[in-house]
PDB file of all heavy atoms in Angstrom:
ATOM      1  N   MET A   1       0.838  -1.186   0.005  1.00  0.00           N
ATOM      2  CA  MET A   1      -0.004  -0.003   0.013  1.00  0.00           C
ATOM      3  C   MET A   1       0.871   1.264  -0.033  1.00  0.00           C
ATOM      4  O   MET A   1       1.883   1.296   0.698  1.00  0.00           O
ATOM      5  CB  MET A   1      -0.939  -0.026   1.272  1.00  0.00           C
ATOM      6  CG  MET A   1      -1.972   1.108   1.226  1.00  0.00           C
ATOM      7  SD  MET A   1      -3.041   0.957   2.588  1.00  0.00           S
ATOM      8  CE  MET A   1      -3.960  -0.512   2.233  1.00  0.00           C
ATOM      9  N   LYS A   2       0.485   2.301  -0.707  1.00  0.00           N
ATOM     10  CA  LYS A   2       1.321   3.434  -0.768  1.00  0.00           C
ATOM     11  C   LYS A   2       1.378   4.137   0.526  1.00  0.00           C
ATOM     12  O   LYS A   2       0.348   4.215   1.235  1.00  0.00           O
ATOM     13  CB  LYS A   2       0.603   4.386  -1.829  1.00  0.00           C
ATOM     14  CG  LYS A   2       1.477   5.481  -2.272  1.00  0.00           C
ATOM     15  CD  LYS A   2       0.872   6.298  -3.404  1.00  0.00           C
ATOM     16  CE  LYS A   2       1.748   7.466  -3.800  1.00  0.00           C
ATOM     17  NZ  LYS A   2       1.208   8.233  -4.957  1.00  0.00           N
ATOM     18  N   SER A   3       2.560   4.533   1.023  1.00  0.00           N
ATOM     19  CA  SER A   3       2.725   5.008   2.436  1.00  0.00           C
ATOM     20  C   SER A   3       2.032   6.257   2.696  1.00  0.00           C
ATOM     21  O   SER A   3       1.593   6.404   3.812  1.00  0.00           O
ATOM     22  CB  SER A   3       4.222   5.162   2.611  1.00  0.00           C
ATOM     23  OG  SER A   3       4.733   6.130   1.658  1.00  0.00           O
ATOM     24  N   ASP A   4       1.730   7.092   1.753  1.00  0.00           N
ATOM     25  CA  ASP A   4       1.079   8.437   1.956  1.00  0.00           C
ATOM     26  C   ASP A   4      -0.490   8.272   1.671  1.00  0.00           C
ATOM     27  O   ASP A   4      -1.147   9.282   1.735  1.00  0.00           O
ATOM     28  CB  ASP A   4       1.630   9.465   1.177  1.00  0.00           C
ATOM     29  CG  ASP A   4       1.509   9.367  -0.304  1.00  0.00           C
ATOM     30  OD1 ASP A   4       1.191   8.182  -0.719  1.00  0.00           O
ATOM     31  OD2 ASP A   4       1.743  10.265  -1.108  1.00  0.00           O
ATOM     32  N   GLN A   5      -0.914   7.021   1.507  1.00  0.00           N
ATOM     33  CA  GLN A   5      -2.398   6.796   1.339  1.00  0.00           C
ATOM     34  C   GLN A   5      -3.169   7.240   2.524  1.00  0.00           C
ATOM     35  O   GLN A   5      -2.896   6.603   3.562  1.00  0.00           O
ATOM     36  CB  GLN A   5      -2.618   5.345   0.918  1.00  0.00           C
ATOM     37  CG  GLN A   5      -3.970   5.154   0.325  1.00  0.00           C
ATOM     38  CD  GLN A   5      -4.061   3.834  -0.450  1.00  0.00           C
ATOM     39  OE1 GLN A   5      -3.160   3.385  -1.063  1.00  0.00           O
ATOM     40  NE2 GLN A   5      -5.221   3.077  -0.248  1.00  0.00           N
ATOM     41  N   SER A   6      -4.020   8.147   2.500  1.00  0.00           N
ATOM     42  CA  SER A   6      -4.638   8.658   3.615  1.00  0.00           C
ATOM     43  C   SER A   6      -5.874   7.919   4.028  1.00  0.00           C
ATOM     44  O   SER A   6      -6.464   8.038   5.141  1.00  0.00           O
ATOM     45  CB  SER A   6      -5.072  10.112   3.441  1.00  0.00           C
ATOM     46  OG  SER A   6      -5.931  10.202   2.291  1.00  0.00           O
ATOM     47  N   ALA A   7      -6.367   7.048   3.199  1.00  0.00           N
ATOM     48  CA  ALA A   7      -7.529   6.229   3.483  1.00  0.00           C
ATOM     49  C   ALA A   7      -7.416   4.815   2.867  1.00  0.00           C
ATOM     50  O   ALA A   7      -6.451   4.616   2.138  1.00  0.00           O
ATOM     51  CB  ALA A   7      -8.775   6.884   2.805  1.00  0.00           C
ATOM     52  N   ILE A   8      -8.194   3.873   3.277  1.00  0.00           N
ATOM     53  CA  ILE A   8      -8.249   2.555   2.651  1.00  0.00           C
ATOM     54  C   ILE A   8      -9.388   2.599   1.604  1.00  0.00           C
ATOM     55  O   ILE A   8     -10.552   2.740   1.958  1.00  0.00           O
ATOM     56  CB  ILE A   8      -8.524   1.498   3.735  1.00  0.00           C
ATOM     57  CG1 ILE A   8      -7.381   1.472   4.768  1.00  0.00           C
ATOM     58  CG2 ILE A   8      -8.704   0.158   2.978  1.00  0.00           C
ATOM     59  CD1 ILE A   8      -7.559   0.583   5.909  1.00  0.00           C
ATOM     60  N   TYR A   9      -9.021   2.553   0.373  1.00  0.00           N
ATOM     61  CA  TYR A   9      -9.951   2.626  -0.685  1.00  0.00           C
ATOM     62  C   TYR A   9     -10.509   1.199  -1.056  1.00  0.00           C
ATOM     63  O   TYR A   9      -9.788   0.331  -0.960  1.00  0.00           O
ATOM     64  CB  TYR A   9      -9.286   3.235  -1.901  1.00  0.00           C
ATOM     65  CG  TYR A   9      -8.917   4.604  -1.683  1.00  0.00           C
ATOM     66  CD1 TYR A   9      -7.509   4.971  -1.596  1.00  0.00           C
ATOM     67  CD2 TYR A   9      -9.722   5.734  -1.535  1.00  0.00           C
ATOM     68  CE1 TYR A   9      -7.009   6.194  -1.251  1.00  0.00           C
ATOM     69  CE2 TYR A   9      -9.348   7.013  -1.372  1.00  0.00           C
ATOM     70  CZ  TYR A   9      -8.088   7.283  -1.177  1.00  0.00           C
ATOM     71  OH  TYR A   9      -7.533   8.616  -0.976  1.00  0.00           O
ATOM     72  N   TYR A  10     -11.760   1.247  -1.385  1.00  0.00           N
ATOM     73  CA  TYR A  10     -12.372  -0.006  -1.823  1.00  0.00           C
ATOM     74  C   TYR A  10     -13.451   0.223  -2.943  1.00  0.00           C
ATOM     75  O   TYR A  10     -13.853   1.350  -3.125  1.00  0.00           O
ATOM     76  CB  TYR A  10     -13.077  -0.673  -0.613  1.00  0.00           C
ATOM     77  CG  TYR A  10     -14.344   0.010  -0.135  1.00  0.00           C
ATOM     78  CD1 TYR A  10     -15.567  -0.326  -0.721  1.00  0.00           C
ATOM     79  CD2 TYR A  10     -14.291   0.973   0.788  1.00  0.00           C
ATOM     80  CE1 TYR A  10     -16.724   0.363  -0.259  1.00  0.00           C
ATOM     81  CE2 TYR A  10     -15.316   1.633   1.216  1.00  0.00           C
ATOM     82  CZ  TYR A  10     -16.568   1.357   0.751  1.00  0.00           C
ATOM     83  OH  TYR A  10     -17.714   1.987   1.240  1.00  0.00           O
ATOM     84  N   LEU A  11     -13.810  -0.882  -3.585  1.00  0.00           N
ATOM     85  CA  LEU A  11     -14.838  -0.768  -4.618  1.00  0.00           C
ATOM     86  C   LEU A  11     -15.702  -2.073  -4.602  1.00  0.00           C
ATOM     87  O   LEU A  11     -15.059  -3.097  -4.579  1.00  0.00           O
ATOM     88  CB  LEU A  11     -14.262  -0.579  -6.049  1.00  0.00           C
ATOM     89  CG  LEU A  11     -15.201  -0.391  -7.165  1.00  0.00           C
ATOM     90  CD1 LEU A  11     -16.116   0.895  -6.941  1.00  0.00           C
ATOM     91  CD2 LEU A  11     -14.566  -0.275  -8.538  1.00  0.00           C
ATOM     92  N   THR A  12     -16.900  -1.901  -4.474  1.00  0.00           N
ATOM     93  CA  THR A  12     -17.819  -3.046  -4.432  1.00  0.00           C
ATOM     94  C   THR A  12     -18.344  -3.386  -5.880  1.00  0.00           C
ATOM     95  O   THR A  12     -18.471  -2.420  -6.698  1.00  0.00           O
ATOM     96  CB  THR A  12     -19.019  -2.871  -3.443  1.00  0.00           C
ATOM     97  OG1 THR A  12     -19.798  -1.758  -3.880  1.00  0.00           O
ATOM     98  CG2 THR A  12     -18.471  -2.672  -2.045  1.00  0.00           C
ATOM     99  N   GLY A  13     -18.783  -4.595  -6.117  1.00  0.00           N
ATOM    100  CA  GLY A  13     -19.380  -4.920  -7.466  1.00  0.00           C
ATOM    101  C   GLY A  13     -19.853  -6.356  -7.436  1.00  0.00           C
ATOM    102  O   GLY A  13     -19.560  -7.101  -6.521  1.00  0.00           O
ATOM    103  N   PRO A  14     -20.435  -6.682  -8.554  1.00  0.00           N
ATOM    104  CA  PRO A  14     -21.017  -8.106  -8.697  1.00  0.00           C
ATOM    105  C   PRO A  14     -19.941  -9.191  -8.866  1.00  0.00           C
ATOM    106  O   PRO A  14     -20.310 -10.399  -8.590  1.00  0.00           O
ATOM    107  CB  PRO A  14     -21.912  -7.966  -9.870  1.00  0.00           C
ATOM    108  CG  PRO A  14     -21.299  -6.860 -10.730  1.00  0.00           C
ATOM    109  CD  PRO A  14     -20.764  -5.845  -9.825  1.00  0.00           C
ATOM    110  N   SER A  15     -18.823  -8.844  -9.397  1.00  0.00           N
ATOM    111  CA  SER A  15     -17.754  -9.824  -9.543  1.00  0.00           C
ATOM    112  C   SER A  15     -16.363  -9.142  -9.616  1.00  0.00           C
ATOM    113  O   SER A  15     -16.260  -8.017  -9.770  1.00  0.00           O
ATOM    114  CB  SER A  15     -17.929 -10.533 -10.867  1.00  0.00           C
ATOM    115  OG  SER A  15     -17.745  -9.619 -12.031  1.00  0.00           O
ATOM    116  N   ARG A  16     -15.370 -10.052  -9.387  1.00  0.00           N
ATOM    117  CA  ARG A  16     -13.957  -9.444  -9.405  1.00  0.00           C
ATOM    118  C   ARG A  16     -13.663  -8.820 -10.786  1.00  0.00           C
ATOM    119  O   ARG A  16     -13.060  -7.807 -10.898  1.00  0.00           O
ATOM    120  CB  ARG A  16     -13.002 -10.559  -9.086  1.00  0.00           C
ATOM    121  CG  ARG A  16     -11.554 -10.042  -9.157  1.00  0.00           C
ATOM    122  CD  ARG A  16     -10.549 -11.161  -8.939  1.00  0.00           C
ATOM    123  NE  ARG A  16      -9.124 -10.562  -9.039  1.00  0.00           N
ATOM    124  CZ  ARG A  16      -8.441 -10.101  -8.200  1.00  0.00           C
ATOM    125  NH1 ARG A  16      -8.866  -9.939  -6.936  1.00  0.00           N
ATOM    126  NH2 ARG A  16      -7.191  -9.616  -8.401  1.00  0.00           N
ATOM    127  N   ARG A  17     -14.109  -9.522 -11.823  1.00  0.00           N
ATOM    128  CA  ARG A  17     -13.774  -9.008 -13.235  1.00  0.00           C
ATOM    129  C   ARG A  17     -14.446  -7.603 -13.460  1.00  0.00           C
ATOM    130  O   ARG A  17     -13.838  -6.705 -13.884  1.00  0.00           O
ATOM    131  CB  ARG A  17     -14.333 -10.065 -14.190  1.00  0.00           C
ATOM    132  CG  ARG A  17     -13.958  -9.667 -15.657  1.00  0.00           C
ATOM    133  CD  ARG A  17     -14.359 -10.746 -16.629  1.00  0.00           C
ATOM    134  NE  ARG A  17     -13.946 -10.359 -17.909  1.00  0.00           N
ATOM    135  CZ  ARG A  17     -14.051 -11.143 -18.948  1.00  0.00           C
ATOM    136  NH1 ARG A  17     -14.610 -12.336 -18.856  1.00  0.00           N
ATOM    137  NH2 ARG A  17     -13.634 -10.687 -20.128  1.00  0.00           N
ATOM    138  N   ALA A  18     -15.678  -7.458 -12.950  1.00  0.00           N
ATOM    139  CA  ALA A  18     -16.389  -6.217 -13.104  1.00  0.00           C
ATOM    140  C   ALA A  18     -15.638  -5.135 -12.345  1.00  0.00           C
ATOM    141  O   ALA A  18     -15.412  -4.002 -12.821  1.00  0.00           O
ATOM    142  CB  ALA A  18     -17.821  -6.300 -12.727  1.00  0.00           C
ATOM    143  N   VAL A  19     -15.234  -5.404 -11.148  1.00  0.00           N
ATOM    144  CA  VAL A  19     -14.548  -4.434 -10.307  1.00  0.00           C
ATOM    145  C   VAL A  19     -13.197  -4.075 -10.802  1.00  0.00           C
ATOM    146  O   VAL A  19     -12.831  -2.880 -10.934  1.00  0.00           O
ATOM    147  CB  VAL A  19     -14.483  -4.911  -8.805  1.00  0.00           C
ATOM    148  CG1 VAL A  19     -13.590  -4.002  -8.014  1.00  0.00           C
ATOM    149  CG2 VAL A  19     -15.850  -5.049  -8.229  1.00  0.00           C
ATOM    150  N   GLU A  20     -12.385  -5.025 -11.158  1.00  0.00           N
ATOM    151  CA  GLU A  20     -11.011  -4.723 -11.614  1.00  0.00           C
ATOM    152  C   GLU A  20     -10.957  -4.055 -12.928  1.00  0.00           C
ATOM    153  O   GLU A  20      -9.923  -3.393 -13.208  1.00  0.00           O
ATOM    154  CB  GLU A  20     -10.064  -5.967 -11.590  1.00  0.00           C
ATOM    155  CG  GLU A  20     -10.372  -7.017 -12.671  1.00  0.00           C
ATOM    156  CD  GLU A  20      -9.612  -8.294 -12.376  1.00  0.00           C
ATOM    157  OE1 GLU A  20      -8.799  -8.393 -11.523  1.00  0.00           O
ATOM    158  OE2 GLU A  20      -9.784  -9.216 -13.165  1.00  0.00           O
ATOM    159  N   ASN A  21     -12.082  -4.114 -13.681  1.00  0.00           N
ATOM    160  CA  ASN A  21     -12.049  -3.419 -14.990  1.00  0.00           C
ATOM    161  C   ASN A  21     -12.812  -2.107 -14.941  1.00  0.00           C
ATOM    162  O   ASN A  21     -13.110  -1.512 -15.985  1.00  0.00           O
ATOM    163  CB  ASN A  21     -12.718  -4.256 -16.122  1.00  0.00           C
ATOM    164  CG  ASN A  21     -11.783  -5.511 -16.442  1.00  0.00           C
ATOM    165  OD1 ASN A  21     -10.601  -5.294 -16.539  1.00  0.00           O
ATOM    166  ND2 ASN A  21     -12.362  -6.677 -16.510  1.00  0.00           N
ATOM    167  N   SER A  22     -13.276  -1.684 -13.747  1.00  0.00           N
ATOM    168  CA  SER A  22     -14.035  -0.526 -13.546  1.00  0.00           C
ATOM    169  C   SER A  22     -13.316   0.774 -13.945  1.00  0.00           C
ATOM    170  O   SER A  22     -12.164   0.868 -13.394  1.00  0.00           O
ATOM    171  CB  SER A  22     -14.715  -0.436 -12.178  1.00  0.00           C
ATOM    172  OG  SER A  22     -15.293   0.793 -11.927  1.00  0.00           O
ATOM    173  N   PRO A  23     -13.864   1.720 -14.680  1.00  0.00           N
ATOM    174  CA  PRO A  23     -13.217   2.942 -14.878  1.00  0.00           C
ATOM    175  C   PRO A  23     -12.993   3.865 -13.488  1.00  0.00           C
ATOM    176  O   PRO A  23     -12.071   4.653 -13.535  1.00  0.00           O
ATOM    177  CB  PRO A  23     -14.222   3.727 -15.789  1.00  0.00           C
ATOM    178  CG  PRO A  23     -15.487   3.004 -15.758  1.00  0.00           C
ATOM    179  CD  PRO A  23     -15.194   1.701 -15.270  1.00  0.00           C
ATOM    180  N   HIS A  24     -13.742   3.512 -12.436  1.00  0.00           N
ATOM    181  CA  HIS A  24     -13.555   4.256 -11.271  1.00  0.00           C
ATOM    182  C   HIS A  24     -12.166   4.028 -10.724  1.00  0.00           C
ATOM    183  O   HIS A  24     -11.712   4.909  -9.806  1.00  0.00           O
ATOM    184  CB  HIS A  24     -14.545   3.720 -10.125  1.00  0.00           C
ATOM    185  CG  HIS A  24     -15.951   3.860 -10.508  1.00  0.00           C
ATOM    186  ND1 HIS A  24     -16.672   2.909 -11.154  1.00  0.00           N
ATOM    187  CD2 HIS A  24     -16.734   4.950 -10.401  1.00  0.00           C
ATOM    188  CE1 HIS A  24     -17.917   3.396 -11.388  1.00  0.00           C
ATOM    189  NE2 HIS A  24     -17.937   4.619 -10.883  1.00  0.00           N
ATOM    190  N   LEU A  25     -11.400   2.953 -11.113  1.00  0.00           N
ATOM    191  CA  LEU A  25     -10.051   2.787 -10.521  1.00  0.00           C
ATOM    192  C   LEU A  25      -8.995   3.430 -11.268  1.00  0.00           C
ATOM    193  O   LEU A  25      -7.891   3.528 -10.721  1.00  0.00           O
ATOM    194  CB  LEU A  25      -9.774   1.281 -10.644  1.00  0.00           C
ATOM    195  CG  LEU A  25     -10.653   0.267  -9.834  1.00  0.00           C
ATOM    196  CD1 LEU A  25     -10.286  -1.150 -10.164  1.00  0.00           C
ATOM    197  CD2 LEU A  25     -10.662   0.564  -8.387  1.00  0.00           C
ATOM    198  N   GLU A  26      -9.233   4.057 -12.429  1.00  0.00           N
ATOM    199  CA  GLU A  26      -8.156   4.581 -13.270  1.00  0.00           C
ATOM    200  C   GLU A  26      -7.225   5.606 -12.584  1.00  0.00           C
ATOM    201  O   GLU A  26      -6.014   5.408 -12.580  1.00  0.00           O
ATOM    202  CB  GLU A  26      -8.711   5.244 -14.544  1.00  0.00           C
ATOM    203  CG  GLU A  26      -9.350   4.120 -15.457  1.00  0.00           C
ATOM    204  CD  GLU A  26     -10.155   4.694 -16.677  1.00  0.00           C
ATOM    205  OE1 GLU A  26     -10.258   5.960 -16.718  1.00  0.00           O
ATOM    206  OE2 GLU A  26     -10.686   3.955 -17.372  1.00  0.00           O
ATOM    207  N   GLY A  27      -7.860   6.642 -12.023  1.00  0.00           N
ATOM    208  CA  GLY A  27      -7.073   7.605 -11.305  1.00  0.00           C
ATOM    209  C   GLY A  27      -6.333   7.117 -10.051  1.00  0.00           C
ATOM    210  O   GLY A  27      -5.200   7.548  -9.751  1.00  0.00           O
ATOM    211  N   PHE A  28      -6.914   6.095  -9.350  1.00  0.00           N
ATOM    212  CA  PHE A  28      -6.239   5.570  -8.193  1.00  0.00           C
ATOM    213  C   PHE A  28      -5.083   4.776  -8.637  1.00  0.00           C
ATOM    214  O   PHE A  28      -4.038   4.689  -7.921  1.00  0.00           O
ATOM    215  CB  PHE A  28      -7.304   4.773  -7.420  1.00  0.00           C
ATOM    216  CG  PHE A  28      -8.341   5.713  -6.778  1.00  0.00           C
ATOM    217  CD1 PHE A  28      -9.507   5.957  -7.481  1.00  0.00           C
ATOM    218  CD2 PHE A  28      -8.192   6.205  -5.570  1.00  0.00           C
ATOM    219  CE1 PHE A  28     -10.443   6.841  -6.907  1.00  0.00           C
ATOM    220  CE2 PHE A  28      -9.123   7.048  -4.967  1.00  0.00           C
ATOM    221  CZ  PHE A  28     -10.224   7.405  -5.643  1.00  0.00           C
ATOM    222  N   ARG A  29      -5.333   3.988  -9.683  1.00  0.00           N
ATOM    223  CA  ARG A  29      -4.112   3.220 -10.237  1.00  0.00           C
ATOM    224  C   ARG A  29      -3.004   4.131 -10.661  1.00  0.00           C
ATOM    225  O   ARG A  29      -1.806   3.817 -10.447  1.00  0.00           O
ATOM    226  CB  ARG A  29      -4.522   2.361 -11.372  1.00  0.00           C
ATOM    227  CG  ARG A  29      -5.261   1.078 -11.011  1.00  0.00           C
ATOM    228  CD  ARG A  29      -5.413   0.104 -12.175  1.00  0.00           C
ATOM    229  NE  ARG A  29      -6.179  -1.032 -11.785  1.00  0.00           N
ATOM    230  CZ  ARG A  29      -7.236  -1.402 -12.512  1.00  0.00           C
ATOM    231  NH1 ARG A  29      -7.708  -0.817 -13.537  1.00  0.00           N
ATOM    232  NH2 ARG A  29      -7.883  -2.505 -12.088  1.00  0.00           N
ATOM    233  N   ASP A  30      -3.348   5.233 -11.344  1.00  0.00           N
ATOM    234  CA  ASP A  30      -2.394   6.103 -11.829  1.00  0.00           C
ATOM    235  C   ASP A  30      -1.597   6.750 -10.677  1.00  0.00           C
ATOM    236  O   ASP A  30      -0.303   7.007 -10.898  1.00  0.00           O
ATOM    237  CB  ASP A  30      -3.141   7.247 -12.555  1.00  0.00           C
ATOM    238  CG  ASP A  30      -2.212   8.237 -13.337  1.00  0.00           C
ATOM    239  OD1 ASP A  30      -1.509   7.676 -14.280  1.00  0.00           O
ATOM    240  OD2 ASP A  30      -2.207   9.454 -13.133  1.00  0.00           O
ATOM    241  N   LYS A  31      -2.188   6.912  -9.503  1.00  0.00           N
ATOM    242  CA  LYS A  31      -1.432   7.414  -8.388  1.00  0.00           C
ATOM    243  C   LYS A  31      -0.654   6.325  -7.552  1.00  0.00           C
ATOM    244  O   LYS A  31      -0.115   6.593  -6.571  1.00  0.00           O
ATOM    245  CB  LYS A  31      -2.484   8.170  -7.426  1.00  0.00           C
ATOM    246  CG  LYS A  31      -3.059   9.379  -7.994  1.00  0.00           C
ATOM    247  CD  LYS A  31      -2.073  10.449  -8.066  1.00  0.00           C
ATOM    248  CE  LYS A  31      -2.705  11.798  -8.665  1.00  0.00           C
ATOM    249  NZ  LYS A  31      -1.681  12.765  -8.932  1.00  0.00           N
ATOM    250  N   GLY A  32      -0.912   5.094  -7.912  1.00  0.00           N
ATOM    251  CA  GLY A  32      -0.185   4.037  -7.209  1.00  0.00           C
ATOM    252  C   GLY A  32      -0.953   3.494  -6.023  1.00  0.00           C
ATOM    253  O   GLY A  32      -0.386   2.840  -5.130  1.00  0.00           O
ATOM    254  N   TYR A  33      -2.261   3.816  -5.851  1.00  0.00           N
ATOM    255  CA  TYR A  33      -2.956   3.485  -4.697  1.00  0.00           C
ATOM    256  C   TYR A  33      -3.498   2.094  -4.893  1.00  0.00           C
ATOM    257  O   TYR A  33      -3.897   1.653  -5.871  1.00  0.00           O
ATOM    258  CB  TYR A  33      -4.145   4.390  -4.385  1.00  0.00           C
ATOM    259  CG  TYR A  33      -3.780   5.767  -3.953  1.00  0.00           C
ATOM    260  CD1 TYR A  33      -4.571   6.847  -4.372  1.00  0.00           C
ATOM    261  CD2 TYR A  33      -2.678   6.019  -3.159  1.00  0.00           C
ATOM    262  CE1 TYR A  33      -4.232   8.158  -3.928  1.00  0.00           C
ATOM    263  CE2 TYR A  33      -2.323   7.322  -2.820  1.00  0.00           C
ATOM    264  CZ  TYR A  33      -3.173   8.369  -3.220  1.00  0.00           C
ATOM    265  OH  TYR A  33      -2.855   9.655  -2.778  1.00  0.00           O
TER     266      TYR A  33
END
């Protein structure tokens, strides 16, 4: 986990595949969270 991450981020969804391909994650991945 990124050391300066101020929160524990999560995303809920119907399946792992749906969640890991979600556009909601793009900015967080870009920041290394």
